[in-house]
């Protein structure tokens, strides 16, 4: 069984990506217009198509979490794109405000490639998943959900992790309709806890 290889972003680029996420949100709040950065001038390592998620929180309160599971944009552009989505387009949440911006933490998750999990049942998944390590993508006819590895500290064990994943997909935990597939991935995560100034 092949395991997904961990993504690696040179730590020297972490702050650049956090700055890009922060600036995308700040600029949108200031101008009312959402803009993506021009990739010209960024380091070549940041121009490789990469899948990312951006999570915004105020303490324990989720303000938004949006991302993509497949690499479709250069890393630096995707981080800005997902930051704007998390701030203004998460259907579960109200758009962030300038007050939220000052207090919120910003976390970037860089995803590895997906690897199919060889599983034919919910029990197979429970036996194969690596607690604290794996993010999972659940796909079944008419259903789809994912949980990032960062969710592990918020659950008791693998059983609860899978229950949350199944319910998020609109399925009963343990259900395995024909056509169900599960894939795993790993992430590299880094963030800024806030607070920060809001300058128009």
N, C-alpha and C. Protein backbone atom coordinates (compact mmCIF):
# COMPACT_ATOMS: atom_id res chain seq x y z
N UNK A 1 0.85 -1.20 0.00
CA UNK A 1 0.00 0.00 0.00
C UNK A 1 0.89 1.24 0.00
N UNK A 2 0.70 2.10 -0.97
CA UNK A 2 1.49 3.32 -1.06
C UNK A 2 0.89 4.41 -0.18
N UNK A 3 1.76 5.08 0.57
CA UNK A 3 1.31 6.17 1.42
C UNK A 3 1.60 7.50 0.75
N UNK A 4 0.75 8.51 0.97
CA UNK A 4 1.02 9.82 0.36
C UNK A 4 2.28 10.43 0.94
N UNK A 5 3.09 11.03 0.07
CA UNK A 5 4.30 11.69 0.54
C UNK A 5 3.95 13.08 1.05
N UNK A 6 4.58 13.45 2.15
CA UNK A 6 4.27 14.73 2.78
C UNK A 6 4.69 15.88 1.88
N UNK A 7 3.84 16.89 1.75
CA UNK A 7 4.24 18.08 1.00
C UNK A 7 5.33 18.82 1.76
N UNK A 8 6.11 19.59 1.06
CA UNK A 8 7.13 20.37 1.75
C UNK A 8 7.21 21.75 1.12
N UNK A 9 6.98 22.75 1.94
CA UNK A 9 7.19 24.13 1.55
C UNK A 9 8.34 24.65 2.39
N UNK A 10 9.37 25.12 1.74
CA UNK A 10 10.53 25.63 2.48
C UNK A 10 10.04 26.65 3.50
N UNK A 11 10.45 26.50 4.76
CA UNK A 11 9.98 27.44 5.80
C UNK A 11 10.23 28.91 5.47
N UNK A 12 11.20 29.18 4.61
CA UNK A 12 11.45 30.59 4.26
C UNK A 12 10.25 31.18 3.51
N UNK A 13 9.40 30.31 2.94
CA UNK A 13 8.25 30.80 2.18
C UNK A 13 6.96 30.87 3.02
N UNK A 14 6.99 30.33 4.23
CA UNK A 14 5.77 30.31 5.04
C UNK A 14 5.22 31.72 5.24
N UNK A 15 6.07 32.64 5.64
CA UNK A 15 5.60 34.00 5.92
C UNK A 15 5.09 34.68 4.67
N UNK A 16 5.74 34.41 3.53
CA UNK A 16 5.25 34.99 2.27
C UNK A 16 3.83 34.55 2.00
N UNK A 17 3.55 33.27 2.16
CA UNK A 17 2.21 32.75 1.89
C UNK A 17 1.20 33.29 2.89
N UNK A 18 1.58 33.41 4.15
CA UNK A 18 0.67 33.98 5.14
C UNK A 18 0.41 35.45 4.84
N UNK A 19 1.43 36.16 4.40
CA UNK A 19 1.25 37.56 4.01
C UNK A 19 0.30 37.68 2.82
N UNK A 20 0.43 36.77 1.86
CA UNK A 20 -0.44 36.78 0.69
C UNK A 20 -1.89 36.56 1.10
N UNK A 21 -2.12 35.59 1.99
CA UNK A 21 -3.48 35.32 2.46
C UNK A 21 -4.04 36.52 3.20
N UNK A 22 -3.24 37.09 4.08
CA UNK A 22 -3.68 38.24 4.86
C UNK A 22 -3.98 39.44 3.97
N UNK A 23 -3.11 39.71 3.01
CA UNK A 23 -3.29 40.87 2.15
C UNK A 23 -4.51 40.72 1.25
N UNK A 24 -4.77 39.51 0.78
CA UNK A 24 -5.95 39.29 -0.07
C UNK A 24 -7.22 39.67 0.70
N UNK A 25 -7.29 39.25 1.96
CA UNK A 25 -8.48 39.54 2.77
C UNK A 25 -8.53 41.02 3.13
N UNK A 26 -7.40 41.58 3.56
CA UNK A 26 -7.37 42.99 3.95
C UNK A 26 -7.78 43.88 2.79
N UNK A 27 -7.24 43.61 1.60
CA UNK A 27 -7.56 44.42 0.43
C UNK A 27 -9.04 44.33 0.08
N UNK A 28 -9.60 43.13 0.17
CA UNK A 28 -11.03 42.97 -0.14
C UNK A 28 -11.90 43.73 0.85
N UNK A 29 -11.52 43.70 2.12
CA UNK A 29 -12.28 44.44 3.12
C UNK A 29 -12.17 45.95 2.89
N UNK A 30 -11.01 46.40 2.43
CA UNK A 30 -10.78 47.83 2.25
C UNK A 30 -11.43 48.38 1.00
N UNK A 31 -11.38 47.60 -0.08
CA UNK A 31 -11.82 48.11 -1.38
C UNK A 31 -13.13 47.53 -1.87
N UNK A 32 -13.55 46.42 -1.28
CA UNK A 32 -14.75 45.76 -1.76
C UNK A 32 -14.50 44.92 -3.01
N UNK A 33 -13.25 44.83 -3.43
CA UNK A 33 -12.91 44.04 -4.62
C UNK A 33 -11.94 42.94 -4.24
N UNK A 34 -12.15 41.76 -4.80
CA UNK A 34 -11.29 40.63 -4.51
C UNK A 34 -10.29 40.46 -5.65
N UNK A 35 -9.02 40.45 -5.29
CA UNK A 35 -7.96 40.35 -6.28
C UNK A 35 -7.00 39.24 -5.91
N UNK A 36 -6.50 38.55 -6.92
CA UNK A 36 -5.48 37.53 -6.73
C UNK A 36 -4.12 38.12 -7.07
N UNK A 37 -3.07 37.65 -6.44
CA UNK A 37 -1.74 38.21 -6.71
C UNK A 37 -1.23 37.83 -8.09
N UNK A 38 -0.43 38.69 -8.66
CA UNK A 38 0.28 38.38 -9.89
C UNK A 38 1.44 37.47 -9.51
N UNK A 39 1.48 36.24 -10.05
CA UNK A 39 2.55 35.33 -9.63
C UNK A 39 3.94 35.78 -10.07
N UNK A 40 4.02 36.69 -11.02
CA UNK A 40 5.33 37.17 -11.45
C UNK A 40 6.05 37.81 -10.27
N UNK A 41 7.31 37.47 -10.11
CA UNK A 41 8.10 38.04 -9.03
C UNK A 41 8.18 37.17 -7.80
N UNK A 42 7.35 36.13 -7.71
CA UNK A 42 7.44 35.20 -6.60
C UNK A 42 8.45 34.11 -6.90
N UNK A 43 8.95 33.49 -5.87
CA UNK A 43 9.94 32.42 -6.01
C UNK A 43 9.34 31.27 -6.83
N UNK A 44 10.14 30.62 -7.68
CA UNK A 44 9.61 29.51 -8.49
C UNK A 44 8.94 28.41 -7.68
N UNK A 45 9.40 28.17 -6.44
CA UNK A 45 8.77 27.14 -5.62
C UNK A 45 7.31 27.45 -5.33
N UNK A 46 6.93 28.72 -5.41
CA UNK A 46 5.56 29.12 -5.10
C UNK A 46 4.67 29.13 -6.34
N UNK A 47 5.23 28.74 -7.47
CA UNK A 47 4.49 28.78 -8.73
C UNK A 47 4.06 27.39 -9.20
N UNK A 48 4.37 26.37 -8.41
CA UNK A 48 3.95 25.01 -8.73
C UNK A 48 2.48 24.83 -8.36
N UNK A 49 1.68 24.25 -9.25
CA UNK A 49 0.27 24.01 -8.95
C UNK A 49 0.16 23.13 -7.70
N UNK A 50 -0.59 23.62 -6.71
CA UNK A 50 -0.66 22.96 -5.40
C UNK A 50 -2.04 23.17 -4.81
N UNK A 51 -2.57 22.13 -4.16
CA UNK A 51 -3.86 22.23 -3.49
C UNK A 51 -3.66 22.72 -2.06
N UNK A 52 -4.49 23.66 -1.63
CA UNK A 52 -4.38 24.20 -0.28
C UNK A 52 -5.76 24.42 0.34
N UNK A 53 -5.77 24.52 1.65
CA UNK A 53 -6.92 24.99 2.42
C UNK A 53 -6.46 26.17 3.26
N UNK A 54 -7.36 27.11 3.49
CA UNK A 54 -7.10 28.21 4.42
C UNK A 54 -8.21 28.20 5.47
N UNK A 55 -7.79 28.24 6.74
CA UNK A 55 -8.72 28.21 7.86
C UNK A 55 -8.57 29.50 8.66
N UNK A 56 -9.70 30.13 8.94
CA UNK A 56 -9.73 31.36 9.73
C UNK A 56 -10.52 31.09 11.00
N UNK A 57 -9.93 31.45 12.16
CA UNK A 57 -10.59 31.21 13.43
C UNK A 57 -10.42 32.41 14.35
N UNK A 58 -11.40 32.63 15.18
CA UNK A 58 -11.31 33.62 16.27
C UNK A 58 -11.38 32.83 17.55
N UNK A 59 -10.21 32.52 18.12
CA UNK A 59 -10.18 31.60 19.25
C UNK A 59 -10.64 30.23 18.78
N UNK A 60 -11.64 29.68 19.45
CA UNK A 60 -12.18 28.38 19.06
C UNK A 60 -13.31 28.50 18.05
N UNK A 61 -13.66 29.72 17.68
CA UNK A 61 -14.79 29.93 16.76
C UNK A 61 -14.30 29.94 15.31
N UNK A 62 -14.84 29.03 14.52
CA UNK A 62 -14.48 28.97 13.11
C UNK A 62 -15.13 30.12 12.36
N UNK A 63 -14.32 30.87 11.62
CA UNK A 63 -14.82 31.96 10.80
C UNK A 63 -14.95 31.56 9.34
N UNK A 64 -14.19 30.55 8.93
CA UNK A 64 -14.27 30.08 7.55
C UNK A 64 -13.16 29.10 7.26
N UNK A 65 -13.45 28.13 6.41
CA UNK A 65 -12.45 27.16 5.98
C UNK A 65 -12.82 26.70 4.58
N UNK A 66 -11.98 27.04 3.62
CA UNK A 66 -12.24 26.72 2.22
C UNK A 66 -10.93 26.23 1.60
N UNK A 67 -11.05 25.29 0.68
CA UNK A 67 -9.86 24.82 -0.01
C UNK A 67 -10.20 23.98 -1.21
N UNK A 68 -9.17 23.46 -1.82
CA UNK A 68 -9.32 22.58 -2.96
C UNK A 68 -8.52 21.32 -2.70
N UNK A 69 -8.96 20.21 -3.27
CA UNK A 69 -8.32 18.92 -3.04
C UNK A 69 -7.39 18.52 -4.16
N UNK A 70 -7.47 19.20 -5.27
CA UNK A 70 -6.62 18.89 -6.41
C UNK A 70 -5.84 20.15 -6.80
N UNK A 71 -4.59 20.00 -7.23
CA UNK A 71 -3.78 21.17 -7.61
C UNK A 71 -4.23 21.76 -8.94
N UNK A 72 -4.76 22.97 -8.90
CA UNK A 72 -5.26 23.61 -10.12
C UNK A 72 -4.69 25.00 -10.34
N UNK A 73 -4.01 25.56 -9.33
CA UNK A 73 -3.44 26.91 -9.43
C UNK A 73 -2.06 26.93 -8.80
N UNK A 74 -1.21 27.88 -9.21
CA UNK A 74 0.07 28.04 -8.53
C UNK A 74 -0.14 28.25 -7.03
N UNK A 75 0.75 27.69 -6.24
CA UNK A 75 0.62 27.73 -4.78
C UNK A 75 0.29 29.11 -4.25
N UNK A 76 1.03 30.13 -4.67
CA UNK A 76 0.83 31.47 -4.13
C UNK A 76 -0.54 32.02 -4.52
N UNK A 77 -1.02 31.67 -5.69
CA UNK A 77 -2.34 32.12 -6.13
C UNK A 77 -3.44 31.34 -5.41
N UNK A 78 -3.22 30.04 -5.25
CA UNK A 78 -4.24 29.23 -4.59
C UNK A 78 -4.44 29.64 -3.15
N UNK A 79 -3.36 29.99 -2.45
CA UNK A 79 -3.50 30.44 -1.07
C UNK A 79 -4.36 31.70 -0.99
N UNK A 80 -4.13 32.65 -1.88
CA UNK A 80 -4.96 33.86 -1.90
C UNK A 80 -6.41 33.53 -2.24
N UNK A 81 -6.60 32.65 -3.22
CA UNK A 81 -7.94 32.26 -3.66
C UNK A 81 -8.72 31.62 -2.51
N UNK A 82 -8.07 30.69 -1.80
CA UNK A 82 -8.76 30.00 -0.70
C UNK A 82 -8.95 30.93 0.49
N UNK A 83 -8.01 31.85 0.71
CA UNK A 83 -8.19 32.83 1.80
C UNK A 83 -9.43 33.68 1.55
N UNK A 84 -9.61 34.13 0.33
CA UNK A 84 -10.81 34.91 -0.01
C UNK A 84 -12.07 34.07 0.15
N UNK A 85 -11.98 32.80 -0.25
CA UNK A 85 -13.13 31.92 -0.08
C UNK A 85 -13.47 31.72 1.38
N UNK A 86 -12.45 31.48 2.21
CA UNK A 86 -12.69 31.27 3.63
C UNK A 86 -13.28 32.52 4.28
N UNK A 87 -12.82 33.69 3.84
CA UNK A 87 -13.27 34.94 4.44
C UNK A 87 -14.66 35.35 4.00
N UNK A 88 -15.00 35.07 2.74
CA UNK A 88 -16.22 35.67 2.18
C UNK A 88 -17.17 34.69 1.51
N UNK A 89 -16.78 33.42 1.36
CA UNK A 89 -17.63 32.52 0.57
C UNK A 89 -17.89 31.18 1.24
N UNK A 90 -17.56 31.03 2.52
CA UNK A 90 -17.91 29.80 3.22
C UNK A 90 -19.41 29.85 3.50
N UNK A 91 -20.20 28.96 2.90
CA UNK A 91 -21.67 29.06 3.04
C UNK A 91 -22.16 28.84 4.46
N UNK A 92 -21.31 28.31 5.33
CA UNK A 92 -21.73 28.05 6.71
C UNK A 92 -21.61 29.28 7.59
N UNK A 93 -20.86 30.30 7.11
CA UNK A 93 -20.49 31.42 7.97
C UNK A 93 -20.83 32.76 7.32
N UNK A 94 -20.98 33.76 8.16
CA UNK A 94 -21.06 35.13 7.65
C UNK A 94 -19.68 35.56 7.19
N UNK A 95 -19.64 36.52 6.28
CA UNK A 95 -18.35 37.04 5.81
C UNK A 95 -17.60 37.68 6.98
N UNK A 96 -16.28 37.59 6.94
CA UNK A 96 -15.50 38.20 8.01
C UNK A 96 -15.58 39.72 7.92
N UNK A 97 -15.39 40.35 9.04
CA UNK A 97 -15.42 41.81 9.13
C UNK A 97 -14.01 42.31 9.46
N UNK A 98 -13.85 43.62 9.43
CA UNK A 98 -12.57 44.21 9.82
C UNK A 98 -12.23 43.85 11.26
N UNK A 99 -13.24 43.76 12.12
CA UNK A 99 -13.00 43.38 13.51
C UNK A 99 -12.52 41.94 13.60
N UNK A 100 -13.12 41.06 12.80
CA UNK A 100 -12.65 39.67 12.74
C UNK A 100 -11.20 39.61 12.26
N UNK A 101 -10.90 40.40 11.23
CA UNK A 101 -9.56 40.39 10.62
C UNK A 101 -8.48 40.69 11.65
N UNK A 102 -8.74 41.64 12.51
CA UNK A 102 -7.75 42.04 13.51
C UNK A 102 -7.46 40.89 14.48
N UNK A 103 -8.48 40.14 14.87
CA UNK A 103 -8.33 39.12 15.91
C UNK A 103 -8.01 37.73 15.39
N UNK A 104 -8.38 37.44 14.17
CA UNK A 104 -8.41 36.05 13.72
C UNK A 104 -7.02 35.45 13.50
N UNK A 105 -6.96 34.13 13.64
CA UNK A 105 -5.78 33.39 13.22
C UNK A 105 -5.98 32.97 11.76
N UNK A 106 -4.86 32.85 11.05
CA UNK A 106 -4.86 32.38 9.67
C UNK A 106 -3.99 31.15 9.60
N UNK A 107 -4.54 30.05 9.11
CA UNK A 107 -3.76 28.82 8.96
C UNK A 107 -3.83 28.34 7.51
N UNK A 108 -2.67 28.03 6.96
CA UNK A 108 -2.57 27.49 5.61
C UNK A 108 -2.23 26.01 5.71
N UNK A 109 -2.97 25.18 4.99
CA UNK A 109 -2.69 23.75 4.91
C UNK A 109 -2.34 23.42 3.46
N UNK A 110 -1.14 22.91 3.24
CA UNK A 110 -0.69 22.52 1.90
C UNK A 110 -0.87 21.01 1.78
N UNK A 111 -1.62 20.58 0.78
CA UNK A 111 -2.00 19.18 0.67
C UNK A 111 -1.05 18.39 -0.23
N UNK A 112 -0.85 17.13 0.14
CA UNK A 112 -0.16 16.19 -0.73
C UNK A 112 -1.12 15.74 -1.83
N UNK A 113 -0.62 14.94 -2.74
CA UNK A 113 -1.49 14.28 -3.72
C UNK A 113 -2.37 13.27 -3.00
N UNK A 114 -3.57 13.05 -3.55
CA UNK A 114 -4.47 12.04 -3.01
C UNK A 114 -3.95 10.64 -3.33
N UNK A 115 -4.15 9.73 -2.38
CA UNK A 115 -3.85 8.32 -2.60
C UNK A 115 -5.08 7.50 -2.24
N UNK A 116 -5.62 6.70 -3.18
CA UNK A 116 -6.79 5.88 -2.85
C UNK A 116 -6.49 4.93 -1.70
N UNK A 117 -7.43 4.81 -0.80
CA UNK A 117 -7.30 3.89 0.33
C UNK A 117 -7.95 2.57 -0.07
N UNK A 118 -7.19 1.46 -0.06
CA UNK A 118 -7.79 0.18 -0.45
C UNK A 118 -8.74 -0.31 0.63
N UNK A 119 -10.00 0.03 0.48
CA UNK A 119 -11.00 -0.30 1.50
C UNK A 119 -12.30 -0.68 0.83
N UNK A 120 -12.94 -1.68 1.39
CA UNK A 120 -14.23 -2.13 0.89
C UNK A 120 -15.33 -2.01 1.94
N UNK A 121 -15.00 -1.37 3.05
CA UNK A 121 -15.98 -1.20 4.12
C UNK A 121 -15.52 -0.10 5.05
N UNK A 122 -16.46 0.36 5.86
CA UNK A 122 -16.15 1.35 6.90
C UNK A 122 -15.08 0.79 7.84
N UNK A 123 -15.18 -0.51 8.17
CA UNK A 123 -14.21 -1.14 9.07
C UNK A 123 -12.80 -1.13 8.46
N UNK A 124 -12.71 -1.33 7.14
CA UNK A 124 -11.41 -1.28 6.48
C UNK A 124 -10.77 0.09 6.65
N UNK A 125 -11.58 1.14 6.50
CA UNK A 125 -11.06 2.50 6.65
C UNK A 125 -10.58 2.72 8.08
N UNK A 126 -11.38 2.28 9.04
CA UNK A 126 -11.02 2.45 10.45
C UNK A 126 -9.70 1.76 10.77
N UNK A 127 -9.44 0.63 10.11
CA UNK A 127 -8.22 -0.10 10.37
C UNK A 127 -7.01 0.46 9.67
N UNK A 128 -7.21 1.23 8.61
CA UNK A 128 -6.09 1.73 7.81
C UNK A 128 -5.72 3.17 8.09
N UNK A 129 -6.67 3.98 8.55
CA UNK A 129 -6.40 5.40 8.75
C UNK A 129 -5.37 5.59 9.86
N UNK A 130 -4.51 6.59 9.70
CA UNK A 130 -3.46 6.89 10.68
C UNK A 130 -3.89 8.10 11.50
N UNK A 131 -4.34 7.88 12.73
CA UNK A 131 -4.79 9.01 13.57
C UNK A 131 -3.70 10.05 13.73
N UNK A 132 -4.11 11.31 13.60
CA UNK A 132 -3.18 12.41 13.74
C UNK A 132 -2.37 12.71 12.51
N UNK A 133 -2.47 11.86 11.49
CA UNK A 133 -1.64 12.01 10.29
C UNK A 133 -2.48 12.23 9.04
N UNK A 134 -3.46 11.38 8.83
CA UNK A 134 -4.20 11.38 7.56
C UNK A 134 -5.37 12.35 7.55
N UNK A 135 -5.53 13.05 6.44
CA UNK A 135 -6.80 13.64 6.08
C UNK A 135 -7.50 12.65 5.17
N UNK A 136 -8.82 12.67 5.16
CA UNK A 136 -9.57 11.71 4.36
C UNK A 136 -10.58 12.42 3.47
N UNK A 137 -10.76 11.86 2.28
CA UNK A 137 -11.80 12.28 1.35
C UNK A 137 -12.74 11.11 1.15
N UNK A 138 -14.01 11.31 1.48
CA UNK A 138 -15.05 10.30 1.31
C UNK A 138 -15.90 10.67 0.12
N UNK A 139 -16.06 9.73 -0.81
CA UNK A 139 -16.90 9.94 -1.99
C UNK A 139 -17.83 8.76 -2.16
N UNK A 140 -19.11 9.06 -2.31
CA UNK A 140 -20.13 8.06 -2.60
C UNK A 140 -21.15 8.71 -3.51
N UNK A 141 -21.94 7.93 -4.24
CA UNK A 141 -22.92 8.54 -5.14
C UNK A 141 -23.79 9.57 -4.41
N UNK A 142 -23.67 10.83 -4.83
CA UNK A 142 -24.46 11.90 -4.24
C UNK A 142 -23.91 12.44 -2.93
N UNK A 143 -22.74 11.98 -2.52
CA UNK A 143 -22.17 12.40 -1.24
C UNK A 143 -20.67 12.62 -1.39
N UNK A 144 -20.16 13.63 -0.67
CA UNK A 144 -18.72 13.91 -0.70
C UNK A 144 -18.36 14.77 0.50
N UNK A 145 -17.28 14.43 1.17
CA UNK A 145 -16.81 15.27 2.28
C UNK A 145 -15.34 14.97 2.53
N UNK A 146 -14.70 15.90 3.21
CA UNK A 146 -13.31 15.71 3.60
C UNK A 146 -13.09 16.27 4.99
N UNK A 147 -12.12 15.72 5.68
CA UNK A 147 -11.64 16.26 6.95
C UNK A 147 -10.13 16.37 6.89
N UNK A 148 -9.60 17.54 7.23
CA UNK A 148 -8.16 17.75 7.26
C UNK A 148 -7.56 17.05 8.47
N UNK A 149 -6.26 16.74 8.41
CA UNK A 149 -5.60 16.16 9.60
C UNK A 149 -5.71 17.05 10.83
N UNK A 150 -5.89 18.35 10.64
CA UNK A 150 -5.99 19.26 11.78
C UNK A 150 -7.24 19.01 12.63
N UNK A 151 -8.17 18.18 12.13
CA UNK A 151 -9.37 17.86 12.91
C UNK A 151 -9.07 16.85 14.01
N UNK A 152 -8.00 16.07 13.87
CA UNK A 152 -7.73 15.00 14.83
C UNK A 152 -7.70 15.47 16.29
N UNK A 153 -7.08 16.60 16.62
CA UNK A 153 -7.07 17.01 18.03
C UNK A 153 -8.47 17.33 18.58
N UNK A 154 -9.45 17.46 17.71
CA UNK A 154 -10.79 17.84 18.14
C UNK A 154 -11.70 16.62 18.33
N UNK A 155 -11.18 15.41 18.05
CA UNK A 155 -11.97 14.19 18.23
C UNK A 155 -11.24 13.26 19.20
N UNK A 156 -11.97 12.27 19.68
CA UNK A 156 -11.42 11.35 20.68
C UNK A 156 -10.56 10.28 20.03
N UNK A 157 -11.02 9.74 18.90
CA UNK A 157 -10.33 8.62 18.28
C UNK A 157 -10.75 8.51 16.82
N UNK A 158 -10.25 7.45 16.15
CA UNK A 158 -10.55 7.25 14.73
C UNK A 158 -12.04 7.05 14.50
N UNK A 159 -12.70 6.38 15.44
CA UNK A 159 -14.14 6.13 15.28
C UNK A 159 -14.91 7.45 15.20
N UNK A 160 -14.57 8.40 16.07
CA UNK A 160 -15.26 9.69 16.03
C UNK A 160 -14.89 10.48 14.78
N UNK A 161 -13.60 10.41 14.38
CA UNK A 161 -13.17 11.08 13.16
C UNK A 161 -13.99 10.61 11.97
N UNK A 162 -14.16 9.28 11.84
CA UNK A 162 -14.92 8.74 10.72
C UNK A 162 -16.41 9.08 10.84
N UNK A 163 -16.93 9.09 12.05
CA UNK A 163 -18.34 9.46 12.23
C UNK A 163 -18.58 10.89 11.76
N UNK A 164 -17.67 11.80 12.12
CA UNK A 164 -17.80 13.19 11.68
C UNK A 164 -17.71 13.27 10.16
N UNK A 165 -16.78 12.53 9.57
CA UNK A 165 -16.61 12.54 8.11
C UNK A 165 -17.87 12.03 7.42
N UNK A 166 -18.42 10.93 7.90
CA UNK A 166 -19.61 10.35 7.27
C UNK A 166 -20.81 11.30 7.41
N UNK A 167 -20.99 11.86 8.60
CA UNK A 167 -22.13 12.78 8.81
C UNK A 167 -21.97 14.04 7.96
N UNK A 168 -20.75 14.52 7.83
CA UNK A 168 -20.51 15.71 7.00
C UNK A 168 -20.92 15.45 5.57
N UNK A 169 -20.77 14.20 5.12
CA UNK A 169 -21.17 13.83 3.76
C UNK A 169 -22.67 13.58 3.64
N UNK A 170 -23.38 13.67 4.77
CA UNK A 170 -24.81 13.40 4.75
C UNK A 170 -25.15 11.92 4.78
N UNK A 171 -24.22 11.11 5.33
CA UNK A 171 -24.41 9.67 5.40
C UNK A 171 -24.40 9.22 6.86
N UNK A 172 -24.99 8.08 7.12
CA UNK A 172 -24.93 7.51 8.46
C UNK A 172 -23.57 6.82 8.64
N UNK A 173 -22.92 7.04 9.78
CA UNK A 173 -21.65 6.36 10.02
C UNK A 173 -21.80 4.85 9.83
N UNK A 174 -20.88 4.29 9.08
CA UNK A 174 -20.91 2.86 8.80
C UNK A 174 -21.52 2.51 7.45
N UNK A 175 -22.32 3.41 6.87
CA UNK A 175 -22.90 3.14 5.56
C UNK A 175 -21.81 3.00 4.51
N UNK A 176 -22.02 2.08 3.57
CA UNK A 176 -21.05 1.87 2.50
C UNK A 176 -21.81 1.50 1.22
N UNK A 177 -22.51 2.47 0.62
CA UNK A 177 -23.24 2.17 -0.62
C UNK A 177 -22.29 1.82 -1.75
N UNK A 178 -22.81 1.15 -2.76
CA UNK A 178 -22.00 0.79 -3.92
C UNK A 178 -21.38 2.05 -4.52
N UNK A 179 -20.11 1.97 -4.86
CA UNK A 179 -19.41 3.11 -5.44
C UNK A 179 -18.69 3.98 -4.43
N UNK A 180 -18.72 3.60 -3.14
CA UNK A 180 -18.04 4.39 -2.13
C UNK A 180 -16.52 4.28 -2.30
N UNK A 181 -15.84 5.41 -2.18
CA UNK A 181 -14.39 5.45 -2.27
C UNK A 181 -13.84 6.36 -1.17
N UNK A 182 -12.69 6.01 -0.65
CA UNK A 182 -12.01 6.85 0.35
C UNK A 182 -10.56 7.03 -0.09
N UNK A 183 -10.10 8.27 -0.05
CA UNK A 183 -8.71 8.57 -0.35
C UNK A 183 -8.10 9.28 0.85
N UNK A 184 -6.79 9.16 0.96
CA UNK A 184 -6.09 9.83 2.06
C UNK A 184 -5.06 10.81 1.51
N UNK A 185 -4.72 11.77 2.36
CA UNK A 185 -3.69 12.75 2.03
C UNK A 185 -3.09 13.25 3.33
N UNK A 186 -1.97 13.91 3.23
CA UNK A 186 -1.34 14.53 4.39
C UNK A 186 -1.14 16.00 4.09
N UNK A 187 -0.87 16.77 5.11
CA UNK A 187 -0.73 18.22 4.93
C UNK A 187 0.50 18.74 5.65
N UNK A 188 0.97 19.87 5.17
CA UNK A 188 1.91 20.69 5.91
C UNK A 188 1.16 21.94 6.31
N UNK A 189 1.19 22.28 7.58
CA UNK A 189 0.39 23.40 8.09
C UNK A 189 1.27 24.43 8.79
N UNK A 190 0.92 25.68 8.59
CA UNK A 190 1.60 26.78 9.27
C UNK A 190 0.62 27.94 9.36
N UNK A 191 0.82 28.82 10.32
CA UNK A 191 -0.16 29.88 10.48
C UNK A 191 0.36 31.06 11.28
N UNK A 192 -0.52 32.04 11.42
CA UNK A 192 -0.26 33.23 12.22
C UNK A 192 -1.43 33.39 13.18
N UNK A 193 -1.17 33.50 14.49
CA UNK A 193 -2.25 33.50 15.46
C UNK A 193 -3.01 34.82 15.57
N UNK A 194 -2.47 35.93 14.97
CA UNK A 194 -3.07 37.22 15.23
C UNK A 194 -2.69 37.67 16.64
N UNK A 195 -3.04 38.86 17.07
CA UNK A 195 -3.79 39.86 16.28
C UNK A 195 -2.89 40.56 15.28
N UNK A 196 -3.53 41.42 14.46
CA UNK A 196 -2.82 42.17 13.44
C UNK A 196 -3.53 43.52 13.26
N UNK A 197 -2.83 44.45 12.69
CA UNK A 197 -3.44 45.76 12.42
C UNK A 197 -4.27 45.69 11.15
N UNK A 198 -5.32 46.50 11.11
CA UNK A 198 -6.10 46.64 9.88
C UNK A 198 -5.88 48.04 9.33
N UNK A 199 -5.20 48.10 8.19
CA UNK A 199 -4.90 49.39 7.58
C UNK A 199 -5.61 49.48 6.24
N UNK A 200 -6.38 50.53 6.06
CA UNK A 200 -7.09 50.72 4.80
C UNK A 200 -6.19 51.33 3.76
